[in-house]
Amino acid sequence: MKKVETMNFRLWSFGLSMSLSLITSFAAFGQPKGVAAVEPRMRVIVDNDFSGDPDGLFQLAHLLMSPSVEIRAIIGSHLNARDGFDPSKTQADNAAKKAREVLQTMKVTKTIPVFAGSNTAMVNDSTPVKNEAVNFIIQEALRTDTKTPLYVVCGAGLTEIASAALTNPQIANKLTLVWIGGPEYSELALPPPGYSEVEYNLNIDQAAARAVFNRSSLPLWQIPRNVYRQCLLSYAQLLTKVKPRGQIGAYLSGTLETLMARIQRFINIGETYILGDSPLVLLTALQSSFEADPSSSQYVVRQAPRINLAGTYAHNHTGRPIRVYTHLDTNLMFADFFAKLELLNGQ
């Protein structure tokens, strides 16, 4: 065999073995070490309102398929008390049940703790809620047996992370908070037509948002409304790239199609849906290989504003520097999600 042919064969064999290793690891979902040179390089605590908008379920499934992260815990959090997605008084409990459904559907073998957060918002911006989820965040942040970076990724309200920071302020320099939420910054973007003055996720727990922005020193990467609205999935993509991909593809597409059909009775929503929580995967699992950072997405560094009692921004000349993302690499985000679904299902 010629030298070039030998090299090509070796490269092909390496590629095949790498693909098989990835498929095997995805099937086991233990996120083991030695996954074709992909090992966890960050710890992640996932916090989301899984009984609400199904975009959180898509984000959770995507993160579970990402071998570069070690998911330390999943927290099911509450919605606004009057939210149409789940008007019950057990929203966080229901969210935790939904998270367990995803784990079961994906046949995850690794034990990942799932906590129900508080079913209600904080009573004010200085009184933390007390629960197992808050305790776990503090415990994980204060670990001394690892130097692996810790991210707390929140796709809804901030009740648990705000409570953890109030309970033990020492965690502030031990983690990075990535949050989907907050309205547009007037100097960066205009609000959408017919917008709500108080952004949806911020409104879930305004007191918690004030605690994080006004009182804490938590490192914060914020993805405000104008940016998470960039994450448009077309209905055609849902039908061709998600729905045929095994049990989890059918599960995810089913949750979204059911919701779209329900909404369609009242307003014509067209042929797209915003998967606004998926940047939580893009900005963590899909960081650059060298000088690790979300290098394909863009942000500005600005002073954290104050959140006022009206739920909007107020200038804070002493605010700490935070990242505010302005543009997301949605091509990488969605392409990676679709590819991992294919690998998971051996296609």
Protein backbone atom coordinates (compact mmCIF):
# COMPACT_ATOMS: atom_id res chain seq x y z
CA MET A 1 0.00 0.00 0.00
CA LYS A 2 1.34 3.45 -0.92
CA LYS A 3 2.35 5.81 1.83
CA VAL A 4 -0.46 8.24 0.94
CA GLU A 5 -3.00 5.41 0.87
CA THR A 6 -1.72 4.13 4.21
CA MET A 7 -2.07 7.59 5.70
CA ASN A 8 -5.58 8.01 4.28
CA PHE A 9 -6.58 4.60 5.64
CA ARG A 10 -5.23 5.48 9.07
CA LEU A 11 -7.07 8.79 9.04
CA TRP A 12 -10.27 7.04 7.95
CA SER A 13 -9.83 4.40 10.67
CA PHE A 14 -9.20 7.10 13.27
CA GLY A 15 -12.30 8.97 12.17
CA LEU A 16 -14.42 5.82 12.29
CA SER A 17 -13.18 4.84 15.75
CA MET A 18 -13.75 8.38 16.98
CA SER A 19 -17.34 8.33 15.70
CA LEU A 20 -17.97 4.91 17.23
CA SER A 21 -16.53 6.06 20.55
CA LEU A 22 -18.80 9.09 20.56
CA ILE A 23 -21.84 6.99 19.67
CA THR A 24 -21.00 4.50 22.41
CA SER A 25 -20.51 7.21 25.00
CA PHE A 26 -23.74 8.97 24.04
CA ALA A 27 -25.63 5.70 24.30
CA ALA A 28 -24.34 5.17 27.82
CA PHE A 29 -24.75 8.82 28.84
CA GLY A 30 -22.31 8.47 31.65
CA GLN A 31 -20.20 11.30 30.20
CA PRO A 32 -17.14 9.10 30.89
CA LYS A 33 -13.50 10.08 30.62
CA GLY A 34 -11.69 9.03 27.48
CA VAL A 35 -14.47 9.88 25.04
CA ALA A 36 -12.42 10.16 21.85
CA ALA A 37 -10.22 12.90 23.32
CA VAL A 38 -13.26 14.82 24.61
CA GLU A 39 -13.26 15.02 28.39
CA PRO A 40 -15.18 17.30 30.74
CA ARG A 41 -13.39 20.62 31.22
CA MET A 42 -16.12 22.44 33.11
CA ARG A 43 -18.73 21.74 35.74
CA VAL A 44 -22.28 22.91 35.11
CA ILE A 45 -25.36 23.29 37.30
CA VAL A 46 -28.48 23.60 35.15
CA ASP A 47 -31.37 25.73 36.47
CA ASN A 48 -34.51 26.09 34.37
CA ASP A 49 -38.31 26.28 34.38
CA PHE A 50 -38.78 22.91 32.67
CA SER A 51 -42.55 22.92 33.22
CA GLY A 52 -42.81 26.08 31.14
CA ASP A 53 -41.59 26.92 27.64
CA PRO A 54 -40.18 23.69 26.10
CA ASP A 55 -37.02 25.48 24.97
CA GLY A 56 -35.56 24.49 28.34
CA LEU A 57 -36.06 20.80 27.53
CA PHE A 58 -34.16 21.25 24.25
CA GLN A 59 -31.34 22.96 26.13
CA LEU A 60 -31.17 20.20 28.73
CA ALA A 61 -31.07 17.43 26.11
CA HIS A 62 -28.33 19.26 24.19
CA LEU A 63 -26.20 19.73 27.29
CA LEU A 64 -26.63 16.07 28.25
CA MET A 65 -25.17 15.14 24.86
CA SER A 66 -22.12 17.36 25.35
CA PRO A 67 -19.11 15.41 26.70
CA SER A 68 -17.03 18.51 27.48
CA VAL A 69 -19.28 19.35 30.43
CA GLU A 70 -19.91 17.53 33.68
CA ILE A 71 -23.46 18.21 34.78
CA ARG A 72 -23.29 18.35 38.55
CA ALA A 73 -27.00 18.94 39.18
CA ILE A 74 -30.27 19.92 37.54
CA ILE A 75 -32.63 22.35 39.26
CA GLY A 76 -36.28 22.67 38.29
CA SER A 77 -37.38 26.23 39.00
CA HIS A 78 -40.68 28.08 39.21
CA LEU A 79 -42.43 30.38 36.76
CA ASN A 80 -44.37 33.56 37.41
CA ALA A 81 -47.28 32.74 39.72
CA ARG A 82 -49.83 33.47 36.99
CA ASP A 83 -48.00 31.85 34.08
CA GLY A 84 -50.16 30.13 31.47
CA PHE A 85 -47.55 27.42 30.87
CA ASP A 86 -48.14 26.07 34.38
CA PRO A 87 -50.53 27.99 36.66
CA SER A 88 -50.18 25.42 39.46
CA LYS A 89 -48.64 26.05 42.87
CA THR A 90 -46.09 23.26 42.31
CA GLN A 91 -44.22 24.69 39.32
CA ALA A 92 -40.73 23.81 40.56
CA ASP A 93 -41.81 20.29 41.50
CA ASN A 94 -43.33 19.89 38.05
CA ALA A 95 -40.15 21.24 36.46
CA ALA A 96 -38.06 18.65 38.30
CA LYS A 97 -40.41 15.92 37.04
CA LYS A 98 -39.95 17.17 33.46
CA ALA A 99 -36.17 17.09 33.86
CA ARG A 100 -36.38 13.49 35.06
CA GLU A 101 -38.53 12.68 32.01
CA VAL A 102 -35.72 13.90 29.76
CA LEU A 103 -33.15 11.82 31.64
CA GLN A 104 -35.37 8.75 31.38
CA THR A 105 -36.15 9.30 27.70
CA MET A 106 -32.44 9.64 26.92
CA LYS A 107 -31.63 6.59 29.06
CA VAL A 108 -29.02 8.48 31.08
CA THR A 109 -27.11 6.02 33.24
CA LYS A 110 -25.03 8.46 35.24
CA THR A 111 -26.62 9.59 38.49
CA ILE A 112 -27.31 13.31 38.22
CA PRO A 113 -29.10 14.90 41.19
CA VAL A 114 -32.36 16.63 40.25
CA PHE A 115 -33.70 19.19 42.71
CA ALA A 116 -36.97 21.05 42.85
CA GLY A 117 -36.29 24.67 43.65
CA SER A 118 -38.65 27.01 45.44
CA ASN A 119 -42.23 27.03 44.15
CA THR A 120 -42.44 30.75 44.86
CA ALA A 121 -40.31 33.83 44.27
CA MET A 122 -38.20 35.53 46.93
CA VAL A 123 -40.21 37.79 49.24
CA ASN A 124 -37.64 40.59 48.81
CA ASP A 125 -34.12 41.08 47.49
CA SER A 126 -32.41 40.41 50.82
CA THR A 127 -34.17 37.28 52.10
CA PRO A 128 -32.99 34.05 50.47
CA VAL A 129 -35.14 30.97 50.04
CA LYS A 130 -33.87 27.83 51.72
CA ASN A 131 -33.86 24.46 49.96
CA GLU A 132 -31.63 21.61 48.80
CA ALA A 133 -30.92 23.29 45.47
CA VAL A 134 -29.51 26.40 47.17
CA ASN A 135 -27.43 24.24 49.49
CA PHE A 136 -26.04 22.25 46.57
CA ILE A 137 -24.97 25.37 44.67
CA ILE A 138 -23.06 26.58 47.73
CA GLN A 139 -21.53 23.18 48.38
CA GLU A 140 -20.39 22.75 44.77
CA ALA A 141 -18.99 26.28 44.55
CA LEU A 142 -16.93 25.86 47.71
CA ARG A 143 -15.32 22.56 46.73
CA THR A 144 -11.55 22.51 47.22
CA ASP A 145 -10.85 19.16 45.56
CA THR A 146 -11.14 20.45 42.00
CA LYS A 147 -10.06 23.45 39.92
CA THR A 148 -12.47 22.71 37.08
CA PRO A 149 -14.44 25.92 36.33
CA LEU A 150 -18.04 25.98 37.54
CA TYR A 151 -20.90 27.52 35.56
CA VAL A 152 -24.44 27.98 36.84
CA VAL A 153 -26.63 28.29 33.75
CA CYS A 154 -30.10 29.76 34.25
CA GLY A 155 -32.80 29.85 31.59
CA ALA A 156 -35.57 31.31 33.73
CA GLY A 157 -35.71 33.16 37.06
CA LEU A 158 -32.79 33.61 39.43
CA THR A 159 -34.33 32.49 42.72
CA GLU A 160 -31.86 29.74 43.63
CA ILE A 161 -28.59 31.37 42.54
CA ALA A 162 -29.60 34.68 44.14
CA SER A 163 -30.45 32.86 47.36
CA ALA A 164 -27.15 30.99 47.29
CA ALA A 165 -25.21 34.25 46.86
CA LEU A 166 -27.14 35.91 49.68
CA THR A 167 -26.68 32.91 51.97
CA ASN A 168 -22.94 32.63 51.32
CA PRO A 169 -21.40 35.58 49.44
CA GLN A 170 -18.08 33.71 49.26
CA ILE A 171 -19.35 31.73 46.27
CA ALA A 172 -19.22 34.84 44.08
CA ASN A 173 -15.62 34.30 42.96
CA LYS A 174 -16.06 30.54 42.62
CA LEU A 175 -18.43 30.37 39.64
CA THR A 176 -19.76 32.12 36.54
CA LEU A 177 -23.48 32.78 36.15
CA VAL A 178 -24.85 32.55 32.61
CA TRP A 179 -28.38 33.97 32.43
CA ILE A 180 -30.97 34.14 29.69
CA GLY A 181 -32.98 37.21 30.57
CA GLY A 182 -33.38 40.93 30.91
CA PRO A 183 -34.65 43.52 28.43
CA GLU A 184 -32.64 45.23 25.72
CA TYR A 185 -30.02 47.85 26.58
CA SER A 186 -31.19 51.00 24.82
CA GLU A 187 -27.74 51.80 23.42
CA LEU A 188 -27.37 48.29 21.97
CA ALA A 189 -30.76 47.31 20.55
CA LEU A 190 -34.40 48.25 20.14
CA PRO A 191 -37.16 46.20 21.79
CA PRO A 192 -39.38 44.01 19.59
CA PRO A 193 -42.84 45.11 18.41
CA GLY A 194 -45.46 44.88 21.14
CA TYR A 195 -42.84 44.18 23.79
CA SER A 196 -43.41 43.80 27.53
CA GLU A 197 -41.71 46.46 29.62
CA VAL A 198 -40.56 43.83 32.12
CA GLU A 199 -38.80 40.99 30.31
CA TYR A 200 -40.30 37.50 30.81
CA ASN A 201 -37.50 35.78 32.75
CA LEU A 202 -36.73 38.82 34.87
CA ASN A 203 -40.41 39.03 35.79
CA ILE A 204 -40.39 35.46 37.14
CA ASP A 205 -38.59 36.74 40.25
CA GLN A 206 -37.83 40.45 40.22
CA ALA A 207 -36.49 40.34 43.77
CA ALA A 208 -33.96 37.66 42.78
CA ALA A 209 -32.88 39.73 39.78
CA ARG A 210 -32.34 42.73 42.05
CA ALA A 211 -30.32 40.56 44.43
CA VAL A 212 -28.05 39.36 41.61
CA PHE A 213 -27.60 42.71 39.86
CA ASN A 214 -27.77 45.14 42.79
CA ARG A 215 -26.36 43.22 45.74
CA SER A 216 -24.07 40.43 44.53
CA SER A 217 -20.63 40.40 42.93
CA LEU A 218 -21.35 37.26 40.87
CA PRO A 219 -19.51 37.15 37.52
CA LEU A 220 -22.36 37.42 35.01
CA TRP A 221 -22.75 36.61 31.32
CA GLN A 222 -26.13 37.99 30.28
CA ILE A 223 -28.08 37.07 27.15
CA PRO A 224 -30.83 39.72 26.98
CA ARG A 225 -34.10 39.48 25.04
CA ASN A 226 -32.88 40.89 21.72
CA VAL A 227 -30.10 38.27 21.70
CA TYR A 228 -31.96 35.14 22.76
CA ARG A 229 -34.56 36.02 20.11
CA GLN A 230 -31.86 35.28 17.51
CA CYS A 231 -32.23 31.53 18.24
CA LEU A 232 -34.89 30.76 15.66
CA LEU A 233 -35.62 27.12 14.81
CA SER A 234 -37.75 26.63 11.72
CA TYR A 235 -40.63 24.16 11.71
CA ALA A 236 -38.98 22.42 8.75
CA GLN A 237 -35.83 21.91 10.85
CA LEU A 238 -37.93 20.51 13.68
CA LEU A 239 -39.56 17.98 11.36
CA THR A 240 -36.39 16.89 9.54
CA LYS A 241 -33.57 17.34 12.07
CA VAL A 242 -35.23 16.62 15.42
CA LYS A 243 -38.45 14.62 15.13
CA PRO A 244 -36.95 11.55 13.35
CA ARG A 245 -34.05 11.25 15.83
CA GLY A 246 -35.17 8.50 18.17
CA GLN A 247 -37.14 8.75 21.39
CA ILE A 248 -35.67 12.05 22.52
CA GLY A 249 -36.25 13.64 19.11
CA ALA A 250 -39.88 12.54 19.15
CA TYR A 251 -40.27 13.70 22.75
CA LEU A 252 -38.82 17.16 22.13
CA SER A 253 -40.67 17.75 18.87
CA GLY A 254 -43.89 16.55 20.51
CA THR A 255 -43.65 19.13 23.29
CA LEU A 256 -43.03 21.91 20.80
CA GLU A 257 -45.65 20.86 18.24
CA THR A 258 -48.29 20.57 20.96
CA LEU A 259 -47.49 24.07 22.18
CA MET A 260 -47.40 25.56 18.67
CA ALA A 261 -50.80 24.04 17.89
CA ARG A 262 -52.23 25.50 21.10
CA ILE A 263 -50.85 28.97 20.40
CA GLN A 264 -51.96 28.83 16.78
CA ARG A 265 -55.60 28.86 17.92
CA PHE A 266 -55.11 32.41 19.15
CA ILE A 267 -52.35 33.94 16.99
CA ASN A 268 -50.63 32.99 13.76
CA ILE A 269 -47.05 32.30 14.86
CA GLY A 270 -45.71 31.47 11.41
CA GLU A 271 -43.12 28.73 10.93
CA THR A 272 -40.41 29.42 13.52
CA TYR A 273 -39.95 29.08 17.25
CA ILE A 274 -37.37 30.71 19.52
CA LEU A 275 -35.23 28.15 21.35
CA GLY A 276 -33.99 30.91 23.60
CA ASP A 277 -32.36 28.71 26.24
CA SER A 278 -29.95 26.94 23.88
CA PRO A 279 -27.26 29.67 24.23
CA LEU A 280 -26.60 28.13 27.65
CA VAL A 281 -25.00 25.24 25.73
CA LEU A 282 -23.31 27.40 23.10
CA LEU A 283 -21.54 29.59 25.67
CA THR A 284 -20.30 26.68 27.81
CA ALA A 285 -19.91 23.34 26.04
CA LEU A 286 -19.03 24.89 22.68
CA GLN A 287 -16.19 27.15 23.76
CA SER A 288 -13.02 27.35 21.68
CA SER A 289 -10.41 24.63 22.00
CA PHE A 290 -7.52 27.00 22.78
CA GLU A 291 -7.85 30.05 25.05
CA ALA A 292 -11.24 28.59 25.98
CA ASP A 293 -14.04 31.10 25.51
CA PRO A 294 -17.26 31.41 23.45
CA SER A 295 -15.08 32.83 20.68
CA SER A 296 -17.63 32.66 17.86
CA SER A 297 -20.18 34.80 19.70
CA GLN A 298 -19.87 38.51 20.44
CA TYR A 299 -20.36 40.51 23.61
CA VAL A 300 -19.62 43.86 25.18
CA VAL A 301 -18.39 44.48 28.71
CA ARG A 302 -20.40 47.08 30.56
CA GLN A 303 -21.24 48.08 34.09
CA ALA A 304 -24.06 46.08 35.60
CA PRO A 305 -27.15 48.26 35.84
CA ARG A 306 -29.42 48.34 38.84
CA ILE A 307 -32.76 46.61 38.53
CA ASN A 308 -35.34 49.03 39.90
CA LEU A 309 -38.69 48.27 41.51
CA ALA A 310 -40.38 48.60 38.12
CA GLY A 311 -38.30 45.70 36.80
CA THR A 312 -36.27 47.79 34.37
CA TYR A 313 -32.66 49.00 34.20
CA ALA A 314 -31.31 52.02 36.04
CA HIS A 315 -27.77 53.32 35.61
CA ASN A 316 -25.33 52.25 38.30
CA HIS A 317 -21.99 54.07 38.10
CA THR A 318 -20.50 51.63 40.64
CA GLY A 319 -21.80 48.51 38.92
CA ARG A 320 -19.36 45.64 38.42
CA PRO A 321 -18.31 44.74 34.86
CA ILE A 322 -20.50 42.08 33.25
CA ARG A 323 -20.63 40.49 29.82
CA VAL A 324 -23.68 41.36 27.74
CA TYR A 325 -23.90 39.21 24.62
CA THR A 326 -24.89 40.95 21.40
CA HIS A 327 -24.59 38.21 18.76
CA LEU A 328 -24.73 34.40 18.99
CA ASP A 329 -23.25 31.79 16.69
CA THR A 330 -26.59 30.08 16.14
CA ASN A 331 -25.19 28.13 13.19
CA LEU A 332 -22.72 26.30 15.44
CA MET A 333 -25.34 25.93 18.16
CA PHE A 334 -28.00 24.28 15.99
CA ALA A 335 -25.59 22.30 13.79
CA ASP A 336 -24.01 20.78 16.90
CA PHE A 337 -27.42 19.92 18.35
CA PHE A 338 -28.56 18.21 15.15
CA ALA A 339 -25.26 16.31 14.79
CA LYS A 340 -25.38 15.05 18.37
CA LEU A 341 -28.94 13.82 17.88
CA GLU A 342 -27.72 11.86 14.85
CA LEU A 343 -24.79 10.38 16.78
CA LEU A 344 -27.02 9.48 19.69
CA ASN A 345 -29.29 7.52 17.41
CA GLY A 346 -26.46 5.91 15.43
CA GLN A 347 -27.45 7.57 12.17
